N, C-alpha and C. Protein backbone atom coordinates (compact mmCIF):
# COMPACT_ATOMS: atom_id res chain seq x y z
N MET A 1 5.07 33.69 9.93
CA MET A 1 5.39 32.88 11.02
C MET A 1 4.72 31.81 10.08
N ARG A 2 5.34 30.39 10.56
CA ARG A 2 4.25 28.99 9.65
C ARG A 2 3.90 28.40 10.71
N LEU A 3 2.58 27.67 10.56
CA LEU A 3 2.29 26.95 11.62
C LEU A 3 3.32 25.55 11.53
N SER A 4 3.64 24.84 12.57
CA SER A 4 4.58 23.84 12.64
C SER A 4 4.11 22.37 13.17
N THR A 5 3.34 22.44 14.41
CA THR A 5 2.76 21.56 14.92
C THR A 5 1.20 21.72 15.29
N ILE A 6 0.49 20.66 15.31
CA ILE A 6 -1.16 20.49 15.91
C ILE A 6 -1.10 19.70 17.16
N ALA A 7 -1.77 20.08 18.06
CA ALA A 7 -1.69 18.90 19.20
C ALA A 7 -2.99 18.24 19.17
N LEU A 8 -2.86 16.98 19.02
CA LEU A 8 -3.98 16.16 19.33
C LEU A 8 -4.14 15.43 20.56
N VAL A 9 -4.90 15.38 21.21
CA VAL A 9 -5.16 14.76 22.51
C VAL A 9 -5.52 13.25 22.20
N VAL A 10 -4.44 12.20 22.73
CA VAL A 10 -4.57 10.72 22.22
C VAL A 10 -4.42 10.01 23.72
N SER A 11 -4.78 8.73 23.95
CA SER A 11 -4.95 7.97 25.17
C SER A 11 -3.71 7.26 25.55
N ASP A 12 -2.94 6.97 24.13
CA ASP A 12 -1.24 6.39 24.21
C ASP A 12 -0.70 7.20 23.09
N ALA A 13 0.33 7.96 23.64
CA ALA A 13 0.96 8.37 22.55
C ALA A 13 1.92 7.44 21.64
N LYS A 14 2.59 6.52 22.19
CA LYS A 14 3.42 5.70 21.64
C LYS A 14 2.55 4.68 20.54
N LYS A 15 1.50 4.30 21.21
CA LYS A 15 0.36 3.56 20.49
C LYS A 15 -0.20 4.17 19.18
N SER A 16 -0.39 5.63 19.39
CA SER A 16 -0.95 6.20 18.21
C SER A 16 0.07 6.69 17.18
N ALA A 17 1.35 6.92 17.83
CA ALA A 17 2.48 7.22 16.67
C ALA A 17 2.62 6.01 15.64
N SER A 18 2.53 5.07 16.30
CA SER A 18 2.37 3.51 15.53
C SER A 18 1.33 3.68 14.50
N TRP A 19 -0.04 3.98 15.10
CA TRP A 19 -1.03 3.78 14.10
C TRP A 19 -1.02 4.88 13.00
N TYR A 20 -0.20 6.21 13.08
CA TYR A 20 -0.09 7.05 12.14
C TYR A 20 1.14 6.45 11.23
N GLN A 21 1.84 6.04 11.66
CA GLN A 21 2.80 5.52 10.89
C GLN A 21 2.83 4.25 10.23
N GLN A 22 1.96 3.40 10.25
CA GLN A 22 1.74 2.16 9.82
C GLN A 22 0.24 2.42 8.89
N LYS A 23 -0.55 3.27 9.20
CA LYS A 23 -1.76 3.36 8.69
C LYS A 23 -1.87 4.26 7.71
N LEU A 24 -1.29 5.54 7.99
CA LEU A 24 -1.02 6.69 7.05
C LEU A 24 0.19 7.21 6.49
N GLY A 25 1.27 6.42 6.47
CA GLY A 25 2.42 6.22 6.14
C GLY A 25 3.38 7.50 6.90
N PHE A 26 3.12 8.02 7.96
CA PHE A 26 3.72 9.35 8.69
C PHE A 26 4.94 8.87 9.24
N GLU A 27 5.93 9.91 9.13
CA GLU A 27 7.28 9.35 10.15
C GLU A 27 7.02 9.77 11.35
N ILE A 28 7.71 9.57 12.24
CA ILE A 28 8.11 10.05 13.31
C ILE A 28 9.12 10.83 13.53
N ARG A 29 8.89 11.98 13.88
CA ARG A 29 9.74 13.24 13.79
C ARG A 29 10.73 13.12 15.12
N ASP A 30 9.65 13.08 16.21
CA ASP A 30 10.71 13.55 17.64
C ASP A 30 9.87 12.49 18.48
N HIS A 31 10.66 11.69 19.40
CA HIS A 31 10.19 11.04 20.57
C HIS A 31 11.26 11.29 21.73
N GLN A 32 10.88 12.32 22.62
CA GLN A 32 11.67 12.16 23.47
C GLN A 32 10.78 12.20 24.88
N GLY A 33 11.05 11.20 25.37
CA GLY A 33 10.08 11.25 26.62
C GLY A 33 8.58 11.16 26.21
N HIS A 34 8.04 12.51 26.83
CA HIS A 34 6.35 12.69 26.48
C HIS A 34 6.36 13.08 24.99
N TRP A 35 7.36 13.77 24.48
CA TRP A 35 7.04 14.64 23.25
C TRP A 35 7.47 13.81 22.23
N ILE A 36 6.23 13.30 21.67
CA ILE A 36 6.27 12.81 20.34
C ILE A 36 5.44 13.25 18.97
N THR A 37 6.14 13.67 17.84
CA THR A 37 5.51 14.04 16.93
C THR A 37 5.56 13.23 15.71
N VAL A 38 4.33 13.28 14.86
CA VAL A 38 4.46 12.45 13.58
C VAL A 38 4.10 13.62 12.47
N GLY A 39 4.41 13.20 11.47
CA GLY A 39 3.97 14.14 10.19
C GLY A 39 4.00 13.27 8.71
N PRO A 40 3.10 13.67 7.84
CA PRO A 40 3.42 13.48 6.71
C PRO A 40 5.13 13.43 5.89
N LYS A 41 5.53 12.69 5.21
CA LYS A 41 6.96 12.88 4.86
C LYS A 41 7.12 13.89 4.10
N LYS A 42 6.50 14.40 3.22
CA LYS A 42 6.57 15.77 2.31
C LYS A 42 6.31 16.76 2.98
N GLU A 43 5.70 16.76 4.20
CA GLU A 43 5.12 18.30 4.93
C GLU A 43 5.97 18.51 5.86
N ASN A 44 6.11 20.02 6.27
CA ASN A 44 6.66 20.20 7.74
C ASN A 44 5.92 20.28 8.76
N LEU A 45 4.56 20.23 8.18
CA LEU A 45 3.68 19.92 9.56
C LEU A 45 3.71 18.97 10.22
N SER A 46 3.57 18.69 11.43
CA SER A 46 3.29 17.62 12.54
C SER A 46 2.39 17.90 13.41
N PHE A 47 2.14 16.45 13.55
CA PHE A 47 0.80 16.39 14.95
C PHE A 47 1.92 15.90 15.97
N HIS A 48 1.50 16.76 17.02
CA HIS A 48 2.20 16.48 18.54
C HIS A 48 1.04 15.57 19.23
N LEU A 49 1.74 14.46 19.48
CA LEU A 49 0.62 13.69 20.13
C LEU A 49 0.29 13.44 21.65
N CYS A 50 -0.37 14.46 22.25
CA CYS A 50 -0.55 14.50 23.68
C CYS A 50 -1.20 13.55 24.45
N GLU A 51 -0.66 13.12 25.20
CA GLU A 51 -1.42 11.89 25.94
C GLU A 51 -2.26 12.49 27.13
N GLY A 52 -3.46 12.14 26.99
CA GLY A 52 -4.35 12.68 27.77
C GLY A 52 -4.53 12.02 29.02
N TYR A 53 -4.89 12.70 30.25
CA TYR A 53 -4.70 12.14 31.44
C TYR A 53 -6.32 12.36 31.96
N TYR A 54 -7.40 12.52 31.04
CA TYR A 54 -8.45 12.63 31.47
C TYR A 54 -9.63 12.25 30.11
N ASP A 55 -10.72 12.15 30.22
CA ASP A 55 -11.81 11.68 29.44
C ASP A 55 -11.53 12.30 28.22
N LEU A 56 -11.25 11.72 27.08
CA LEU A 56 -11.13 12.27 25.57
C LEU A 56 -12.69 12.62 25.16
N GLU A 57 -12.46 13.73 24.49
CA GLU A 57 -13.86 14.18 23.68
C GLU A 57 -13.27 14.08 21.82
N PRO A 58 -13.58 12.89 21.44
CA PRO A 58 -13.12 12.63 20.17
C PRO A 58 -14.19 13.40 19.34
N GLY A 59 -13.84 13.60 18.13
CA GLY A 59 -14.70 14.27 16.92
C GLY A 59 -13.93 14.99 16.16
N ASN A 60 -14.72 15.71 15.46
CA ASN A 60 -14.02 16.43 14.22
C ASN A 60 -13.12 17.45 14.28
N THR A 61 -11.99 17.35 14.11
CA THR A 61 -10.66 18.22 14.50
C THR A 61 -10.86 19.20 13.59
N GLY A 62 -11.53 19.33 12.59
CA GLY A 62 -11.28 20.37 11.32
C GLY A 62 -9.87 20.17 10.72
N ILE A 63 -9.07 19.30 10.85
CA ILE A 63 -7.88 19.26 10.21
C ILE A 63 -8.15 18.42 9.15
N SER A 64 -7.77 18.93 7.63
CA SER A 64 -8.17 18.19 6.40
C SER A 64 -6.68 18.15 5.41
N PHE A 65 -7.08 17.21 4.87
CA PHE A 65 -5.84 16.72 3.74
C PHE A 65 -6.51 16.86 2.65
N THR A 66 -5.44 17.21 1.54
CA THR A 66 -6.25 17.11 0.05
C THR A 66 -5.54 15.72 -0.54
N ALA A 67 -6.51 15.29 -1.62
CA ALA A 67 -6.22 14.12 -2.53
C ALA A 67 -6.64 14.29 -4.03
N LYS A 68 -5.80 13.72 -4.97
CA LYS A 68 -6.57 13.92 -6.57
C LYS A 68 -7.74 13.55 -6.44
N ASP A 69 -7.60 12.34 -5.93
CA ASP A 69 -8.97 11.36 -5.78
C ASP A 69 -9.21 10.75 -4.64
N VAL A 70 -10.30 11.30 -4.06
CA VAL A 70 -10.75 10.84 -2.36
C VAL A 70 -11.13 9.53 -2.54
N LYS A 71 -12.12 9.10 -3.66
CA LYS A 71 -12.35 7.67 -3.53
C LYS A 71 -11.09 6.49 -3.49
N LYS A 72 -10.38 7.06 -4.36
CA LYS A 72 -9.06 6.15 -4.39
C LYS A 72 -8.22 5.94 -3.30
N GLU A 73 -8.24 7.13 -2.57
CA GLU A 73 -7.42 7.55 -1.41
C GLU A 73 -8.11 6.57 -0.35
N GLU A 74 -9.49 6.88 -0.13
CA GLU A 74 -10.31 6.09 0.99
C GLU A 74 -9.93 4.31 0.81
N ALA A 75 -10.17 4.21 -0.73
CA ALA A 75 -10.23 2.67 -0.72
C ALA A 75 -8.55 2.23 -0.33
N ALA A 76 -7.59 2.90 -0.66
CA ALA A 76 -6.14 2.51 -0.30
C ALA A 76 -5.85 2.47 1.31
N LEU A 77 -6.67 3.71 1.97
CA LEU A 77 -6.90 3.70 3.56
C LEU A 77 -7.48 2.92 4.22
N ARG A 78 -8.88 2.07 3.71
CA ARG A 78 -9.55 1.18 4.23
C ARG A 78 -8.69 -0.26 4.08
N LYS A 79 -8.16 -0.46 3.38
CA LYS A 79 -7.16 -1.40 3.02
C LYS A 79 -6.00 -1.78 3.78
N MET A 80 -5.71 -0.71 4.66
CA MET A 80 -4.63 -0.48 5.88
C MET A 80 -5.47 -0.47 7.20
N GLY A 81 -6.86 -0.70 7.13
CA GLY A 81 -7.44 -0.84 8.11
C GLY A 81 -8.15 0.39 8.85
N VAL A 82 -7.84 1.64 8.09
CA VAL A 82 -8.35 2.82 8.56
C VAL A 82 -9.78 3.17 8.53
N GLU A 83 -10.54 3.27 9.48
CA GLU A 83 -11.99 3.27 9.62
C GLU A 83 -12.44 4.89 8.89
N PHE A 84 -13.62 4.81 8.35
CA PHE A 84 -14.23 6.09 7.55
C PHE A 84 -15.22 6.25 8.46
N THR A 85 -15.92 7.78 8.98
CA THR A 85 -16.85 8.11 9.62
C THR A 85 -17.85 8.23 8.51
N THR A 86 -17.50 8.87 7.34
CA THR A 86 -17.94 9.68 6.06
C THR A 86 -17.67 9.07 5.02
N PRO A 87 -18.22 8.23 4.12
CA PRO A 87 -17.46 7.73 2.85
C PRO A 87 -17.42 8.73 1.91
N THR A 88 -16.79 8.38 0.90
CA THR A 88 -16.31 9.41 -0.44
C THR A 88 -17.95 10.04 -0.51
N THR A 89 -18.35 11.39 -0.48
CA THR A 89 -19.50 12.08 -0.29
C THR A 89 -19.20 13.38 -1.49
N LYS A 90 -20.23 13.58 -2.51
CA LYS A 90 -19.99 14.77 -3.51
C LYS A 90 -20.91 15.67 -2.77
N GLU A 91 -20.24 16.87 -2.61
CA GLU A 91 -21.40 18.18 -1.95
C GLU A 91 -21.30 19.42 -3.07
N ASP A 92 -21.79 20.42 -2.95
CA ASP A 92 -22.00 21.48 -4.08
C ASP A 92 -20.43 22.04 -3.85
N TRP A 93 -19.88 22.20 -2.62
CA TRP A 93 -18.39 22.59 -2.45
C TRP A 93 -17.55 21.86 -2.78
N GLY A 94 -17.64 20.52 -3.31
CA GLY A 94 -16.50 19.49 -3.35
C GLY A 94 -16.59 18.17 -2.76
N THR A 95 -15.75 17.42 -3.11
CA THR A 95 -15.91 15.95 -2.71
C THR A 95 -14.92 15.55 -1.55
N PHE A 96 -15.58 14.96 -0.63
CA PHE A 96 -14.86 14.62 0.76
C PHE A 96 -14.94 13.37 1.41
N ALA A 97 -14.09 12.83 2.30
CA ALA A 97 -14.76 11.35 2.93
C ALA A 97 -13.85 12.15 4.21
N MET A 98 -14.49 11.55 5.45
CA MET A 98 -13.60 11.90 6.65
C MET A 98 -13.19 9.93 7.22
N PHE A 99 -12.07 10.25 7.91
CA PHE A 99 -11.74 9.03 8.88
C PHE A 99 -11.46 9.58 10.09
N LYS A 100 -11.13 8.46 11.11
CA LYS A 100 -10.92 8.69 12.34
C LYS A 100 -9.49 7.89 12.89
N ASP A 101 -8.80 8.59 13.74
CA ASP A 101 -7.83 7.72 14.39
C ASP A 101 -8.22 6.69 15.60
N LEU A 102 -7.32 5.99 16.18
CA LEU A 102 -7.51 5.33 17.44
C LEU A 102 -8.67 5.80 18.53
N ASP A 103 -8.30 7.02 18.67
CA ASP A 103 -8.98 7.73 19.50
C ASP A 103 -10.11 8.48 19.26
N GLY A 104 -10.66 8.31 17.96
CA GLY A 104 -11.82 9.07 17.39
C GLY A 104 -11.71 10.51 16.89
N ASN A 105 -10.35 10.89 16.65
CA ASN A 105 -10.10 12.07 16.06
C ASN A 105 -10.50 11.94 14.76
N GLU A 106 -11.43 12.83 14.28
CA GLU A 106 -11.80 12.78 12.76
C GLU A 106 -10.90 13.98 12.14
N PHE A 107 -10.81 13.32 10.67
CA PHE A 107 -10.21 14.07 9.73
C PHE A 107 -10.58 14.14 8.44
N TYR A 108 -10.44 15.36 7.65
CA TYR A 108 -11.11 15.49 6.20
C TYR A 108 -10.21 14.91 5.19
N ILE A 109 -10.66 14.20 4.22
CA ILE A 109 -9.78 14.16 3.06
C ILE A 109 -10.58 14.93 1.85
N ILE A 110 -9.87 15.81 1.20
CA ILE A 110 -10.88 16.95 0.38
C ILE A 110 -10.11 16.73 -0.89
N GLU A 111 -11.03 16.48 -1.94
CA GLU A 111 -10.17 16.47 -3.53
C GLU A 111 -9.70 17.68 -3.86
N GLU A 112 -8.61 18.03 -4.50
CA GLU A 112 -7.95 18.53 -4.96
C GLU A 112 -8.64 19.53 -6.27
C-alpha cells in the first residue's frame, strides 16, 4: 500500500487551492464539487482540502517537505508571500523551518 492523500481542514477549499497553487507551485489534481486535491507537481501525494464547518484548530500538522537548502527555500517562499512561523533553524538533529497556510496549518521544511 502507498499513501495517496492527506486531509487538511480548511475554511474555504477553493481559496486554499488557489493559495497552494500560487504560493507553493502545487497543481490542482481534482476539483469535483467539494472534492479538491492539490499536490506538488513531481509527487504522487496530494492534500485533500476538506472545507470545515466548525472552528478550525490550526497548528503543527506534522507534515514535512525536504529541500537541499532550507534557507534558500525559505527566502523564495517569503518572496511569494508565505508566512513562516519558525525561520531557518539549526538543531542537533538537522536544519528546518516552518510555514503556515491561510488557515494556520503549519508545515516543516527539513534540509536533506
